[in-house]
């Protein structure tokens, strides 16, 4: 039993080492996201130049699991899963300065 647990632990560590993503290119960014949700596996990995800032957004507005022990009932509801990888551009008006006046009610 001890040897089996040790073997599984070593396999886990080896898997984490081999799945590590690094970039050898200079001035690049590596964005990676992995989503494992009720048997749904999504992975996005992008390597892009660092001169334009990008953002990686993952939105899961609804993820629900309904299960009943009595009648072996299982329902999985996943709604509108969105993964967006998009550049960030400055606004046309430029960055807004914070207001020096406090808000009053």
C-alpha atoms as a PDB file:
ATOM      1  CA  UNK A   1       0.000   0.000   0.000  1.00  0.00           C
ATOM      2  CA  UNK A   2       2.811   2.407   0.876  1.00  0.00           C
ATOM      3  CA  UNK A   3       4.618   1.729  -2.412  1.00  0.00           C
ATOM      4  CA  UNK A   4       1.463   2.306  -4.421  1.00  0.00           C
ATOM      5  CA  UNK A   5       0.847   5.672  -2.735  1.00  0.00           C
ATOM      6  CA  UNK A   6       4.473   6.647  -3.272  1.00  0.00           C
ATOM      7  CA  UNK A   7       4.273   5.628  -6.942  1.00  0.00           C
ATOM      8  CA  UNK A   8       1.074   7.662  -7.472  1.00  0.00           C
ATOM      9  CA  UNK A   9       2.654  10.675  -5.777  1.00  0.00           C
ATOM     10  CA  UNK A  10       5.727  10.450  -8.002  1.00  0.00           C
ATOM     11  CA  UNK A  11       3.529  10.150 -11.112  1.00  0.00           C
ATOM     12  CA  UNK A  12       1.633  13.268 -10.027  1.00  0.00           C
ATOM     13  CA  UNK A  13       4.848  15.245  -9.538  1.00  0.00           C
ATOM     14  CA  UNK A  14       6.242  14.041 -12.883  1.00  0.00           C
ATOM     15  CA  UNK A  15       3.002  15.052 -14.635  1.00  0.00           C
ATOM     16  CA  UNK A  16       3.197  18.551 -13.186  1.00  0.00           C
ATOM     17  CA  UNK A  17       6.819  18.914 -14.247  1.00  0.00           C
ATOM     18  CA  UNK A  18       6.233  17.749 -17.827  1.00  0.00           C
ATOM     19  CA  UNK A  19       3.076  19.866 -18.293  1.00  0.00           C
ATOM     20  CA  UNK A  20       4.828  23.072 -17.278  1.00  0.00           C
ATOM     21  CA  UNK A  21       4.689  25.585 -20.103  1.00  0.00           C
ATOM     22  CA  UNK A  22       7.556  28.001 -20.602  1.00  0.00           C
ATOM     23  CA  UNK A  23       8.598  30.093 -23.542  1.00  0.00           C
ATOM     24  CA  UNK A  24      12.111  30.299 -24.934  1.00  0.00           C
ATOM     25  CA  UNK A  25      11.307  33.387 -27.010  1.00  0.00           C
ATOM     26  CA  UNK A  26      12.128  36.811 -25.612  1.00  0.00           C
ATOM     27  CA  UNK A  27       9.435  39.462 -25.177  1.00  0.00           C
ATOM     28  CA  UNK A  28       6.530  37.049 -25.323  1.00  0.00           C
ATOM     29  CA  UNK A  29       3.699  36.288 -22.939  1.00  0.00           C
ATOM     30  CA  UNK A  30       2.187  32.872 -22.354  1.00  0.00           C
ATOM     31  CA  UNK A  31      -1.467  32.824 -21.265  1.00  0.00           C
ATOM     32  CA  UNK A  32      -2.904  29.460 -20.287  1.00  0.00           C
ATOM     33  CA  UNK A  33      -6.178  28.449 -18.734  1.00  0.00           C
ATOM     34  CA  UNK A  34      -7.512  24.985 -17.980  1.00  0.00           C
ATOM     35  CA  UNK A  35     -11.159  24.477 -17.033  1.00  0.00           C
ATOM     36  CA  UNK A  36     -12.340  21.080 -15.771  1.00  0.00           C
ATOM     37  CA  UNK A  37     -16.024  21.199 -14.939  1.00  0.00           C
ATOM     38  CA  UNK A  38     -18.279  18.134 -14.577  1.00  0.00           C
ATOM     39  CA  UNK A  39     -16.400  16.146 -17.224  1.00  0.00           C
ATOM     40  CA  UNK A  40     -16.000  19.085 -19.603  1.00  0.00           C
ATOM     41  CA  UNK A  41     -12.328  19.829 -20.237  1.00  0.00           C
ATOM     42  CA  UNK A  42     -11.369  23.105 -21.924  1.00  0.00           C
ATOM     43  CA  UNK A  43      -7.810  24.323 -22.406  1.00  0.00           C
ATOM     44  CA  UNK A  44      -6.603  27.528 -24.044  1.00  0.00           C
ATOM     45  CA  UNK A  45      -2.939  28.379 -24.388  1.00  0.00           C
ATOM     46  CA  UNK A  46      -1.613  31.327 -26.385  1.00  0.00           C
ATOM     47  CA  UNK A  47       1.890  32.690 -26.816  1.00  0.00           C
ATOM     48  CA  UNK A  48       1.874  36.289 -28.003  1.00  0.00           C
ATOM     49  CA  UNK A  49       4.282  39.227 -28.316  1.00  0.00           C
ATOM     50  CA  UNK A  50       4.562  41.360 -25.202  1.00  0.00           C
ATOM     51  CA  UNK A  51       4.266  44.716 -26.999  1.00  0.00           C
ATOM     52  CA  UNK A  52       0.425  44.631 -27.040  1.00  0.00           C
ATOM     53  CA  UNK A  53      -1.249  43.827 -23.715  1.00  0.00           C
ATOM     54  CA  UNK A  54      -3.791  41.026 -23.915  1.00  0.00           C
ATOM     55  CA  UNK A  55      -6.315  39.740 -21.447  1.00  0.00           C
ATOM     56  CA  UNK A  56      -7.585  36.216 -21.023  1.00  0.00           C
ATOM     57  CA  UNK A  57     -11.066  36.024 -19.538  1.00  0.00           C
ATOM     58  CA  UNK A  58     -13.021  32.951 -18.443  1.00  0.00           C
ATOM     59  CA  UNK A  59     -16.688  33.436 -17.543  1.00  0.00           C
ATOM     60  CA  UNK A  60     -18.880  30.636 -16.183  1.00  0.00           C
ATOM     61  CA  UNK A  61     -22.192  32.279 -15.264  1.00  0.00           C
ATOM     62  CA  UNK A  62     -23.996  29.068 -14.323  1.00  0.00           C
ATOM     63  CA  UNK A  63     -22.687  25.617 -13.485  1.00  0.00           C
ATOM     64  CA  UNK A  64     -25.056  23.363 -11.595  1.00  0.00           C
ATOM     65  CA  UNK A  65     -25.143  19.680 -10.672  1.00  0.00           C
ATOM     66  CA  UNK A  66     -28.391  18.135  -9.488  1.00  0.00           C
ATOM     67  CA  UNK A  67     -28.315  14.586  -8.200  1.00  0.00           C
ATOM     68  CA  UNK A  68     -30.682  12.287  -6.357  1.00  0.00           C
ATOM     69  CA  UNK A  69     -29.556   9.183  -4.482  1.00  0.00           C
ATOM     70  CA  UNK A  70     -32.996   7.591  -4.499  1.00  0.00           C
ATOM     71  CA  UNK A  71     -33.643   7.310  -8.236  1.00  0.00           C
ATOM     72  CA  UNK A  72     -30.083   7.540  -9.651  1.00  0.00           C
ATOM     73  CA  UNK A  73     -30.910  10.899 -11.188  1.00  0.00           C
ATOM     74  CA  UNK A  74     -28.106  13.198 -12.341  1.00  0.00           C
ATOM     75  CA  UNK A  75     -28.471  16.467 -14.244  1.00  0.00           C
ATOM     76  CA  UNK A  76     -25.634  18.785 -15.253  1.00  0.00           C
ATOM     77  CA  UNK A  77     -26.426  22.328 -16.357  1.00  0.00           C
ATOM     78  CA  UNK A  78     -23.695  24.416 -17.976  1.00  0.00           C
ATOM     79  CA  UNK A  79     -24.762  27.735 -19.441  1.00  0.00           C
ATOM     80  CA  UNK A  80     -22.829  30.167 -21.668  1.00  0.00           C
ATOM     81  CA  UNK A  81     -19.244  29.252 -20.854  1.00  0.00           C
ATOM     82  CA  UNK A  82     -17.103  31.947 -22.457  1.00  0.00           C
ATOM     83  CA  UNK A  83     -13.331  32.007 -22.929  1.00  0.00           C
ATOM     84  CA  UNK A  84     -12.113  35.232 -24.532  1.00  0.00           C
ATOM     85  CA  UNK A  85      -8.573  36.159 -25.457  1.00  0.00           C
ATOM     86  CA  UNK A  86      -8.493  39.710 -26.715  1.00  0.00           C
ATOM     87  CA  UNK A  87      -6.120  42.670 -26.940  1.00  0.00           C
ATOM     88  CA  UNK A  88      -6.617  45.606 -24.628  1.00  0.00           C
ATOM     89  CA  UNK A  89      -6.678  48.919 -26.441  1.00  0.00           C
ATOM     90  CA  UNK A  90      -6.695  52.347 -24.817  1.00  0.00           C
ATOM     91  CA  UNK A  91     -10.042  54.116 -24.831  1.00  0.00           C
ATOM     92  CA  UNK A  92     -10.607  56.944 -27.311  1.00  0.00           C
ATOM     93  CA  UNK A  93     -10.903  59.516 -24.531  1.00  0.00           C
ATOM     94  CA  UNK A  94      -7.809  58.200 -22.790  1.00  0.00           C
ATOM     95  CA  UNK A  95      -7.611  57.005 -19.214  1.00  0.00           C
ATOM     96  CA  UNK A  96     -10.000  58.762 -16.877  1.00  0.00           C
ATOM     97  CA  UNK A  97      -8.560  60.627 -13.939  1.00  0.00           C
ATOM     98  CA  UNK A  98     -10.094  59.879 -10.550  1.00  0.00           C
ATOM     99  CA  UNK A  99     -12.407  62.576  -9.295  1.00  0.00           C
ATOM    100  CA  UNK A 100     -11.057  64.661  -6.452  1.00  0.00           C
ATOM    101  CA  UNK A 101     -14.549  65.457  -5.182  1.00  0.00           C
ATOM    102  CA  UNK A 102     -16.152  62.912  -2.845  1.00  0.00           C
ATOM    103  CA  UNK A 103     -19.502  61.486  -3.856  1.00  0.00           C
ATOM    104  CA  UNK A 104     -22.453  62.762  -1.870  1.00  0.00           C
ATOM    105  CA  UNK A 105     -25.708  60.958  -1.285  1.00  0.00           C
END
